[in-house]
């Protein structure tokens, strides 16, 4: 009996989450830094395009594979002086910590966070918890697969959204009790 209200609460939360992630609007206001979280398609190209468009003078890529070099990332236009690679992060929390060290070292007060739309709520929550003094503008990346009108009939997409929502809920609980880990 007590399971039904919990399930209803979880389903309502999931619906709100899905509405939120599909509702991100792009704000092209210039920031002091751009941060890309590796892992999803289109993130790297989006961040590099923003740098080329002079939306910032500094770009940090968090969670880079240790075997990837700046030359591999920076192929078409030489932006090496503006790009820093972070090799330490393997999770969203580690992305936030790695980025926080770079942001504080450079004295930045604003950043544009580039990640996949479904990853944005959790990333924003984590980054705002670790960097409360920094203005963070979300820049959600939508791959073509997620732009389709019948995305809800794709079980892989639904599984991804449910998984990300569950991670978001758990992270919210962790933050609400004040654990930075």
N, C-alpha and C. Protein backbone atom coordinates (compact mmCIF):
# COMPACT_ATOMS: atom_id res chain seq x y z
N UNK A 1 0.81 -1.21 0.00
CA UNK A 1 0.00 0.00 0.00
C UNK A 1 0.85 1.27 0.00
N UNK A 2 1.90 1.30 0.80
CA UNK A 2 2.72 2.52 0.85
C UNK A 2 3.57 2.68 -0.40
N UNK A 3 3.68 1.63 -1.19
CA UNK A 3 4.46 1.70 -2.42
C UNK A 3 3.78 2.58 -3.47
N UNK A 4 2.45 2.58 -3.51
CA UNK A 4 1.70 3.31 -4.54
C UNK A 4 1.96 4.82 -4.47
N UNK A 5 1.89 5.46 -3.29
CA UNK A 5 2.20 6.89 -3.25
C UNK A 5 3.64 7.21 -3.66
N UNK A 6 4.58 6.35 -3.26
CA UNK A 6 5.98 6.56 -3.66
C UNK A 6 6.14 6.45 -5.17
N UNK A 7 5.49 5.47 -5.77
CA UNK A 7 5.54 5.30 -7.22
C UNK A 7 4.92 6.51 -7.92
N UNK A 8 3.78 6.98 -7.41
CA UNK A 8 3.12 8.15 -7.99
C UNK A 8 4.02 9.38 -7.89
N UNK A 9 4.65 9.56 -6.75
CA UNK A 9 5.57 10.69 -6.54
C UNK A 9 6.75 10.60 -7.51
N UNK A 10 7.31 9.39 -7.66
CA UNK A 10 8.44 9.18 -8.57
C UNK A 10 8.03 9.46 -10.01
N UNK A 11 6.84 9.00 -10.43
CA UNK A 11 6.36 9.21 -11.80
C UNK A 11 6.13 10.69 -12.08
N UNK A 12 5.57 11.41 -11.12
CA UNK A 12 5.37 12.86 -11.30
C UNK A 12 6.72 13.55 -11.43
N UNK A 13 7.66 13.16 -10.58
CA UNK A 13 9.01 13.74 -10.66
C UNK A 13 9.67 13.45 -12.00
N UNK A 14 9.51 12.23 -12.49
CA UNK A 14 10.07 11.87 -13.79
C UNK A 14 9.46 12.72 -14.90
N UNK A 15 8.15 12.92 -14.86
CA UNK A 15 7.48 13.74 -15.88
C UNK A 15 8.00 15.18 -15.84
N UNK A 16 8.17 15.73 -14.65
CA UNK A 16 8.71 17.09 -14.51
C UNK A 16 10.14 17.14 -15.04
N UNK A 17 10.93 16.13 -14.71
CA UNK A 17 12.31 16.05 -15.16
C UNK A 17 12.38 16.04 -16.69
N UNK A 18 11.59 15.18 -17.32
CA UNK A 18 11.59 15.08 -18.79
C UNK A 18 11.14 16.40 -19.42
N UNK A 19 10.14 17.03 -18.83
CA UNK A 19 9.68 18.33 -19.34
C UNK A 19 10.81 19.35 -19.24
N UNK A 20 11.53 19.33 -18.12
CA UNK A 20 12.63 20.28 -17.93
C UNK A 20 13.75 20.05 -18.93
N UNK A 21 14.17 18.80 -19.11
CA UNK A 21 15.32 18.55 -19.98
C UNK A 21 15.02 18.84 -21.44
N UNK A 22 13.79 18.68 -21.85
CA UNK A 22 13.44 19.00 -23.23
C UNK A 22 13.10 20.47 -23.41
N UNK A 23 13.11 21.25 -22.33
CA UNK A 23 12.75 22.65 -22.42
C UNK A 23 13.90 23.63 -22.37
N UNK A 24 15.13 23.15 -22.37
CA UNK A 24 16.27 24.06 -22.30
C UNK A 24 16.33 24.96 -23.53
N UNK A 25 16.54 26.24 -23.27
CA UNK A 25 16.71 27.24 -24.33
C UNK A 25 18.17 27.69 -24.31
N UNK A 26 18.69 27.99 -25.47
CA UNK A 26 20.09 28.42 -25.58
C UNK A 26 20.19 29.91 -25.29
N UNK A 27 21.06 30.25 -24.35
CA UNK A 27 21.36 31.63 -24.00
C UNK A 27 22.79 31.89 -24.48
N UNK A 28 22.96 32.76 -25.44
CA UNK A 28 24.28 32.99 -26.02
C UNK A 28 25.04 34.15 -25.37
N UNK A 29 24.62 34.54 -24.19
CA UNK A 29 25.34 35.57 -23.46
C UNK A 29 26.78 35.12 -23.25
N UNK A 30 27.71 36.04 -23.42
CA UNK A 30 29.12 35.72 -23.26
C UNK A 30 29.43 35.43 -21.80
N UNK A 31 30.30 34.45 -21.57
CA UNK A 31 30.79 34.12 -20.23
C UNK A 31 32.31 34.16 -20.23
N UNK A 32 32.89 34.14 -19.04
CA UNK A 32 34.35 34.16 -18.95
C UNK A 32 34.96 32.83 -19.39
N UNK A 33 34.21 31.75 -19.22
CA UNK A 33 34.74 30.42 -19.54
C UNK A 33 33.64 29.53 -20.08
N UNK A 34 34.08 28.56 -20.86
CA UNK A 34 33.20 27.50 -21.36
C UNK A 34 33.75 26.20 -20.79
N UNK A 35 32.86 25.37 -20.27
CA UNK A 35 33.26 24.07 -19.74
C UNK A 35 32.47 22.99 -20.47
N UNK A 36 33.19 22.03 -21.02
CA UNK A 36 32.56 20.89 -21.71
C UNK A 36 32.77 19.66 -20.84
N UNK A 37 31.68 18.93 -20.60
CA UNK A 37 31.78 17.65 -19.93
C UNK A 37 31.79 16.57 -21.01
N UNK A 38 32.84 15.79 -21.06
CA UNK A 38 32.97 14.77 -22.11
C UNK A 38 31.95 13.66 -21.90
N UNK A 39 31.70 12.91 -22.96
CA UNK A 39 30.86 11.74 -22.83
C UNK A 39 29.72 11.63 -23.80
N UNK A 40 29.16 12.71 -24.27
CA UNK A 40 28.01 12.63 -25.16
C UNK A 40 28.32 13.22 -26.52
N UNK A 41 27.60 12.76 -27.53
CA UNK A 41 27.85 13.24 -28.88
C UNK A 41 27.45 14.71 -29.01
N UNK A 42 28.24 15.44 -29.73
CA UNK A 42 27.96 16.84 -30.01
C UNK A 42 28.49 17.81 -28.98
N UNK A 43 28.88 17.35 -27.81
CA UNK A 43 29.33 18.27 -26.75
C UNK A 43 30.62 19.00 -27.15
N UNK A 44 31.61 18.24 -27.61
CA UNK A 44 32.90 18.83 -27.95
C UNK A 44 32.76 19.84 -29.09
N UNK A 45 32.08 19.46 -30.16
CA UNK A 45 31.91 20.37 -31.29
C UNK A 45 31.14 21.62 -30.89
N UNK A 46 30.13 21.46 -30.05
CA UNK A 46 29.35 22.62 -29.59
C UNK A 46 30.25 23.58 -28.82
N UNK A 47 31.02 23.06 -27.88
CA UNK A 47 31.90 23.92 -27.10
C UNK A 47 32.96 24.61 -27.93
N UNK A 48 33.56 23.87 -28.86
CA UNK A 48 34.58 24.47 -29.75
C UNK A 48 33.96 25.55 -30.63
N UNK A 49 32.74 25.30 -31.13
CA UNK A 49 32.05 26.32 -31.94
C UNK A 49 31.79 27.58 -31.12
N UNK A 50 31.40 27.43 -29.87
CA UNK A 50 31.17 28.59 -29.01
C UNK A 50 32.46 29.39 -28.81
N UNK A 51 33.57 28.68 -28.65
CA UNK A 51 34.86 29.36 -28.51
C UNK A 51 35.22 30.10 -29.78
N UNK A 52 35.00 29.46 -30.92
CA UNK A 52 35.27 30.10 -32.22
C UNK A 52 34.39 31.33 -32.44
N UNK A 53 33.18 31.30 -31.87
CA UNK A 53 32.24 32.42 -32.00
C UNK A 53 32.51 33.51 -30.96
N UNK A 54 33.61 33.39 -30.23
CA UNK A 54 34.02 34.37 -29.21
C UNK A 54 32.99 34.53 -28.09
N UNK A 55 32.35 33.44 -27.69
CA UNK A 55 31.43 33.48 -26.56
C UNK A 55 32.19 33.41 -25.24
N UNK A 56 33.50 33.18 -25.34
CA UNK A 56 34.41 33.15 -24.21
C UNK A 56 35.82 33.11 -24.75
N UNK A 57 36.77 33.43 -23.88
CA UNK A 57 38.17 33.33 -24.30
C UNK A 57 38.86 32.10 -23.74
N UNK A 58 38.18 31.36 -22.86
CA UNK A 58 38.78 30.19 -22.23
C UNK A 58 37.83 29.01 -22.29
N UNK A 59 38.39 27.84 -22.57
CA UNK A 59 37.61 26.62 -22.66
C UNK A 59 38.30 25.54 -21.84
N UNK A 60 37.50 24.87 -20.99
CA UNK A 60 38.00 23.75 -20.20
C UNK A 60 37.21 22.52 -20.58
N UNK A 61 37.90 21.44 -20.89
CA UNK A 61 37.25 20.17 -21.21
C UNK A 61 37.54 19.22 -20.07
N UNK A 62 36.50 18.83 -19.36
CA UNK A 62 36.65 17.99 -18.17
C UNK A 62 36.36 16.53 -18.49
N UNK A 63 37.19 15.65 -17.93
CA UNK A 63 36.97 14.22 -18.12
C UNK A 63 37.57 13.68 -19.39
N UNK A 64 38.65 14.28 -19.85
CA UNK A 64 39.29 13.86 -21.10
C UNK A 64 40.06 12.54 -20.86
N UNK A 65 39.96 11.64 -21.82
CA UNK A 65 40.71 10.40 -21.78
C UNK A 65 42.20 10.72 -21.76
N UNK A 66 42.95 10.01 -20.93
CA UNK A 66 44.38 10.30 -20.77
C UNK A 66 45.18 10.13 -22.05
N UNK A 67 44.64 9.41 -23.03
CA UNK A 67 45.35 9.19 -24.29
C UNK A 67 45.04 10.24 -25.35
N UNK A 68 44.17 11.20 -25.02
CA UNK A 68 43.79 12.24 -25.98
C UNK A 68 44.64 13.48 -25.75
N UNK A 69 45.15 14.03 -26.85
CA UNK A 69 45.99 15.23 -26.75
C UNK A 69 45.23 16.45 -27.26
N UNK A 70 45.76 17.61 -26.94
CA UNK A 70 45.16 18.86 -27.40
C UNK A 70 45.18 18.94 -28.92
N UNK A 71 46.21 18.40 -29.57
CA UNK A 71 46.29 18.41 -31.03
C UNK A 71 45.14 17.63 -31.66
N UNK A 72 44.72 16.54 -31.03
CA UNK A 72 43.61 15.74 -31.55
C UNK A 72 42.29 16.48 -31.46
N UNK A 73 42.13 17.29 -30.45
CA UNK A 73 40.89 18.03 -30.24
C UNK A 73 40.84 19.28 -31.09
N UNK A 74 41.97 19.92 -31.23
CA UNK A 74 42.09 21.23 -31.86
C UNK A 74 42.62 21.08 -33.28
N UNK A 75 41.81 20.50 -34.17
CA UNK A 75 42.29 20.15 -35.50
C UNK A 75 42.21 21.28 -36.52
N UNK A 76 41.07 21.96 -36.62
CA UNK A 76 40.88 22.87 -37.74
C UNK A 76 41.35 24.30 -37.50
N UNK A 77 41.22 24.81 -36.31
CA UNK A 77 41.64 26.18 -36.01
C UNK A 77 42.52 26.11 -34.77
N UNK A 78 43.62 26.84 -34.78
CA UNK A 78 44.51 26.78 -33.63
C UNK A 78 43.97 27.63 -32.49
N UNK A 79 43.38 26.95 -31.52
CA UNK A 79 42.84 27.60 -30.34
C UNK A 79 43.57 27.12 -29.08
N UNK A 80 44.74 26.53 -29.27
CA UNK A 80 45.47 25.89 -28.18
C UNK A 80 45.67 26.79 -26.97
N UNK A 81 45.92 28.06 -27.21
CA UNK A 81 46.15 29.00 -26.11
C UNK A 81 44.91 29.22 -25.26
N UNK A 82 43.76 28.83 -25.76
CA UNK A 82 42.50 29.09 -25.07
C UNK A 82 41.87 27.83 -24.47
N UNK A 83 42.49 26.66 -24.70
CA UNK A 83 41.90 25.39 -24.28
C UNK A 83 42.77 24.72 -23.22
N UNK A 84 42.09 24.25 -22.17
CA UNK A 84 42.75 23.46 -21.13
C UNK A 84 42.03 22.13 -21.03
N UNK A 85 42.81 21.06 -20.96
CA UNK A 85 42.23 19.72 -20.83
C UNK A 85 42.35 19.24 -19.39
N UNK A 86 41.25 18.67 -18.90
CA UNK A 86 41.24 18.08 -17.56
C UNK A 86 41.15 16.57 -17.69
N UNK A 87 42.12 15.88 -17.12
CA UNK A 87 42.21 14.43 -17.27
C UNK A 87 41.77 13.66 -16.03
N UNK A 88 41.35 14.33 -14.97
CA UNK A 88 41.11 13.65 -13.70
C UNK A 88 39.70 13.11 -13.51
N UNK A 89 38.71 13.74 -14.09
CA UNK A 89 37.31 13.42 -13.79
C UNK A 89 36.82 12.16 -14.49
N UNK A 90 36.09 11.35 -13.72
CA UNK A 90 35.43 10.16 -14.27
C UNK A 90 33.97 10.10 -13.88
N UNK A 91 33.46 11.17 -13.27
CA UNK A 91 32.05 11.24 -12.87
C UNK A 91 31.63 12.70 -12.87
N UNK A 92 30.35 12.94 -12.73
CA UNK A 92 29.86 14.31 -12.71
C UNK A 92 30.40 15.07 -11.50
N UNK A 93 30.44 14.43 -10.36
CA UNK A 93 31.02 15.06 -9.16
C UNK A 93 32.48 15.41 -9.41
N UNK A 94 33.23 14.49 -9.99
CA UNK A 94 34.64 14.76 -10.29
C UNK A 94 34.78 15.85 -11.35
N UNK A 95 33.85 15.91 -12.32
CA UNK A 95 33.84 17.01 -13.29
C UNK A 95 33.73 18.35 -12.56
N UNK A 96 32.80 18.41 -11.62
CA UNK A 96 32.58 19.66 -10.87
C UNK A 96 33.81 20.03 -10.05
N UNK A 97 34.41 19.07 -9.40
CA UNK A 97 35.61 19.34 -8.59
C UNK A 97 36.79 19.77 -9.46
N UNK A 98 36.99 19.06 -10.57
CA UNK A 98 38.09 19.38 -11.47
C UNK A 98 37.90 20.78 -12.06
N UNK A 99 36.68 21.07 -12.45
CA UNK A 99 36.37 22.39 -13.02
C UNK A 99 36.52 23.47 -11.97
N UNK A 100 36.07 23.21 -10.74
CA UNK A 100 36.16 24.20 -9.67
C UNK A 100 37.60 24.63 -9.43
N UNK A 101 38.52 23.68 -9.44
CA UNK A 101 39.93 24.02 -9.25
C UNK A 101 40.41 24.95 -10.37
N UNK A 102 40.05 24.64 -11.61
CA UNK A 102 40.45 25.46 -12.76
C UNK A 102 39.80 26.84 -12.71
N UNK A 103 38.51 26.88 -12.39
CA UNK A 103 37.78 28.16 -12.32
C UNK A 103 38.39 29.06 -11.25
N UNK A 104 38.63 28.51 -10.08
CA UNK A 104 39.19 29.31 -8.98
C UNK A 104 40.62 29.73 -9.26
N UNK A 105 41.40 28.85 -9.89
CA UNK A 105 42.78 29.20 -10.25
C UNK A 105 42.83 30.38 -11.21
N UNK A 106 41.81 30.47 -12.08
CA UNK A 106 41.77 31.54 -13.07
C UNK A 106 40.91 32.73 -12.65
N UNK A 107 40.23 32.62 -11.51
CA UNK A 107 39.43 33.73 -11.00
C UNK A 107 38.16 34.01 -11.81
N UNK A 108 37.62 33.01 -12.47
CA UNK A 108 36.41 33.20 -13.27
C UNK A 108 35.18 33.33 -12.37
N UNK A 109 34.27 34.19 -12.79
CA UNK A 109 33.03 34.39 -12.05
C UNK A 109 31.81 33.89 -12.82
N UNK A 110 32.02 33.50 -14.09
CA UNK A 110 30.91 32.99 -14.90
C UNK A 110 31.43 31.91 -15.85
N UNK A 111 30.55 30.94 -16.11
CA UNK A 111 30.92 29.90 -17.07
C UNK A 111 29.68 29.38 -17.78
N UNK A 112 29.91 28.88 -18.97
CA UNK A 112 28.87 28.22 -19.76
C UNK A 112 29.14 26.72 -19.66
N UNK A 113 28.16 25.98 -19.18
CA UNK A 113 28.30 24.54 -18.99
C UNK A 113 27.69 23.81 -20.18
N UNK A 114 28.53 23.10 -20.93
CA UNK A 114 28.10 22.38 -22.13
C UNK A 114 28.06 20.88 -21.82
N UNK A 115 26.86 20.32 -21.88
CA UNK A 115 26.68 18.89 -21.71
C UNK A 115 25.37 18.49 -22.38
N UNK A 116 25.11 17.20 -22.44
CA UNK A 116 23.88 16.71 -23.06
C UNK A 116 22.67 17.17 -22.25
N UNK A 117 21.56 17.40 -22.94
CA UNK A 117 20.36 17.93 -22.30
C UNK A 117 19.89 17.07 -21.13
N UNK A 118 19.98 15.75 -21.27
CA UNK A 118 19.50 14.85 -20.21
C UNK A 118 20.43 14.85 -19.01
N UNK A 119 21.68 15.25 -19.20
CA UNK A 119 22.69 15.30 -18.14
C UNK A 119 22.71 16.67 -17.46
N UNK A 120 22.06 17.67 -18.05
CA UNK A 120 22.17 19.04 -17.55
C UNK A 120 21.61 19.23 -16.13
N UNK A 121 20.43 18.74 -15.77
CA UNK A 121 19.94 19.01 -14.41
C UNK A 121 20.90 18.53 -13.32
N UNK A 122 21.41 17.32 -13.48
CA UNK A 122 22.34 16.77 -12.49
C UNK A 122 23.65 17.55 -12.49
N UNK A 123 24.13 17.89 -13.67
CA UNK A 123 25.38 18.66 -13.77
C UNK A 123 25.23 20.03 -13.14
N UNK A 124 24.14 20.70 -13.45
CA UNK A 124 23.90 22.03 -12.87
C UNK A 124 23.83 21.97 -11.35
N UNK A 125 23.10 21.01 -10.84
CA UNK A 125 22.97 20.88 -9.40
C UNK A 125 24.34 20.65 -8.75
N UNK A 126 25.11 19.76 -9.32
CA UNK A 126 26.44 19.46 -8.80
C UNK A 126 27.36 20.68 -8.88
N UNK A 127 27.36 21.35 -10.03
CA UNK A 127 28.24 22.50 -10.22
C UNK A 127 27.85 23.66 -9.31
N UNK A 128 26.57 23.90 -9.16
CA UNK A 128 26.12 25.00 -8.29
C UNK A 128 26.43 24.71 -6.83
N UNK A 129 26.44 23.44 -6.45
CA UNK A 129 26.79 23.06 -5.09
C UNK A 129 28.29 23.25 -4.85
N UNK A 130 29.11 22.87 -5.81
CA UNK A 130 30.57 22.97 -5.68
C UNK A 130 31.07 24.40 -5.94
N UNK A 131 30.39 25.13 -6.83
CA UNK A 131 30.80 26.48 -7.22
C UNK A 131 29.65 27.49 -6.99
N UNK A 132 29.20 27.67 -5.76
CA UNK A 132 28.05 28.56 -5.53
C UNK A 132 28.33 30.02 -5.88
N UNK A 133 29.58 30.40 -5.91
CA UNK A 133 29.95 31.80 -6.18
C UNK A 133 30.01 32.12 -7.68
N UNK A 134 29.87 31.13 -8.53
CA UNK A 134 30.03 31.30 -9.97
C UNK A 134 28.67 31.28 -10.67
N UNK A 135 28.47 32.22 -11.59
CA UNK A 135 27.25 32.22 -12.41
C UNK A 135 27.43 31.17 -13.50
N UNK A 136 26.48 30.25 -13.57
CA UNK A 136 26.58 29.14 -14.52
C UNK A 136 25.41 29.21 -15.51
N UNK A 137 25.74 29.29 -16.79
CA UNK A 137 24.73 29.32 -17.85
C UNK A 137 24.72 27.94 -18.51
N UNK A 138 23.58 27.26 -18.47
CA UNK A 138 23.51 25.94 -19.11
C UNK A 138 23.47 26.04 -20.63
N UNK A 139 24.17 25.16 -21.28
CA UNK A 139 24.13 25.08 -22.75
C UNK A 139 23.92 23.61 -23.10
N UNK A 140 22.66 23.24 -23.17
CA UNK A 140 22.29 21.84 -23.41
C UNK A 140 22.49 21.46 -24.87
N UNK A 141 23.05 20.27 -25.07
CA UNK A 141 23.30 19.75 -26.41
C UNK A 141 22.28 18.65 -26.70
N UNK A 142 21.60 18.78 -27.83
CA UNK A 142 20.61 17.80 -28.28
C UNK A 142 21.14 17.12 -29.53
N UNK A 143 21.36 15.82 -29.47
CA UNK A 143 21.74 15.12 -30.69
C UNK A 143 20.47 14.89 -31.51
N UNK A 144 20.64 14.59 -32.79
CA UNK A 144 19.48 14.41 -33.68
C UNK A 144 18.52 13.35 -33.17
N UNK A 145 19.06 12.31 -32.58
CA UNK A 145 18.22 11.20 -32.09
C UNK A 145 17.19 11.69 -31.07
N UNK A 146 17.54 12.68 -30.27
CA UNK A 146 16.65 13.16 -29.21
C UNK A 146 15.72 14.27 -29.68
N UNK A 147 15.88 14.72 -30.91
CA UNK A 147 15.01 15.78 -31.44
C UNK A 147 13.75 15.22 -32.09
N UNK A 148 13.72 13.93 -32.26
CA UNK A 148 12.58 13.30 -32.93
C UNK A 148 11.31 13.46 -32.10
N UNK A 149 10.19 13.62 -32.80
CA UNK A 149 8.92 13.84 -32.12
C UNK A 149 8.41 12.61 -31.38
N UNK A 150 8.81 11.43 -31.80
CA UNK A 150 8.31 10.22 -31.14
C UNK A 150 9.38 9.57 -30.27
N UNK A 151 10.22 10.39 -29.63
CA UNK A 151 11.29 9.88 -28.79
C UNK A 151 10.77 8.98 -27.67
N UNK A 152 9.56 9.24 -27.19
CA UNK A 152 9.00 8.51 -26.07
C UNK A 152 8.71 7.05 -26.40
N UNK A 153 8.70 6.70 -27.69
CA UNK A 153 8.48 5.29 -28.06
C UNK A 153 9.80 4.53 -28.21
N UNK A 154 10.92 5.22 -28.02
CA UNK A 154 12.25 4.60 -28.10
C UNK A 154 12.66 4.14 -26.70
N UNK A 155 12.69 2.83 -26.48
CA UNK A 155 12.98 2.32 -25.13
C UNK A 155 14.39 2.67 -24.66
N UNK A 156 15.35 2.79 -25.58
CA UNK A 156 16.70 3.18 -25.17
C UNK A 156 16.71 4.60 -24.61
N UNK A 157 16.00 5.49 -25.25
CA UNK A 157 15.92 6.87 -24.77
C UNK A 157 15.20 6.92 -23.43
N UNK A 158 14.10 6.20 -23.32
CA UNK A 158 13.37 6.16 -22.04
C UNK A 158 14.23 5.62 -20.92
N UNK A 159 14.97 4.55 -21.19
CA UNK A 159 15.88 4.00 -20.18
C UNK A 159 16.93 5.01 -19.77
N UNK A 160 17.49 5.72 -20.74
CA UNK A 160 18.49 6.74 -20.45
C UNK A 160 17.90 7.85 -19.57
N UNK A 161 16.71 8.33 -19.93
CA UNK A 161 16.08 9.39 -19.15
C UNK A 161 15.73 8.92 -17.74
N UNK A 162 15.24 7.71 -17.61
CA UNK A 162 14.91 7.16 -16.28
C UNK A 162 16.18 7.00 -15.45
N UNK A 163 17.23 6.49 -16.06
CA UNK A 163 18.50 6.32 -15.36
C UNK A 163 19.04 7.67 -14.89
N UNK A 164 18.99 8.66 -15.77
CA UNK A 164 19.50 9.98 -15.42
C UNK A 164 18.64 10.63 -14.32
N UNK A 165 17.33 10.43 -14.40
CA UNK A 165 16.44 10.95 -13.35
C UNK A 165 16.76 10.30 -12.00
N UNK A 166 16.95 8.99 -11.98
CA UNK A 166 17.29 8.31 -10.73
C UNK A 166 18.61 8.83 -10.15
N UNK A 167 19.60 9.05 -11.00
CA UNK A 167 20.88 9.61 -10.55
C UNK A 167 20.67 11.02 -9.99
N UNK A 168 19.82 11.79 -10.66
CA UNK A 168 19.51 13.15 -10.21
C UNK A 168 18.86 13.12 -8.82
N UNK A 169 17.91 12.22 -8.63
CA UNK A 169 17.23 12.11 -7.33
C UNK A 169 18.24 11.74 -6.24
N UNK A 170 19.07 10.76 -6.50
CA UNK A 170 20.07 10.34 -5.51
C UNK A 170 21.06 11.46 -5.21
N UNK A 171 21.50 12.17 -6.24
CA UNK A 171 22.42 13.27 -6.02
C UNK A 171 21.75 14.39 -5.24
N UNK A 172 20.48 14.67 -5.53
CA UNK A 172 19.74 15.69 -4.80
C UNK A 172 19.66 15.35 -3.32
N UNK A 173 19.43 14.08 -3.03
CA UNK A 173 19.39 13.64 -1.63
C UNK A 173 20.75 13.82 -0.97
N UNK A 174 21.82 13.45 -1.69
CA UNK A 174 23.16 13.61 -1.15
C UNK A 174 23.46 15.08 -0.84
N UNK A 175 23.10 15.95 -1.75
CA UNK A 175 23.35 17.38 -1.56
C UNK A 175 22.49 17.94 -0.45
N UNK A 176 21.22 17.47 -0.36
CA UNK A 176 20.32 18.02 0.66
C UNK A 176 20.80 17.70 2.08
N UNK A 177 21.58 16.63 2.24
CA UNK A 177 22.13 16.36 3.56
C UNK A 177 23.56 16.90 3.71
N UNK A 178 24.02 17.61 2.66
CA UNK A 178 25.28 18.33 2.74
C UNK A 178 26.53 17.52 2.49
N UNK A 179 26.41 16.40 1.83
CA UNK A 179 27.58 15.58 1.53
C UNK A 179 28.21 15.98 0.21
N UNK A 180 29.45 16.45 0.25
CA UNK A 180 30.17 16.77 -1.00
C UNK A 180 30.89 15.54 -1.54
N UNK A 181 31.21 14.61 -0.73
CA UNK A 181 31.99 13.39 -1.01
C UNK A 181 33.29 13.62 -1.71
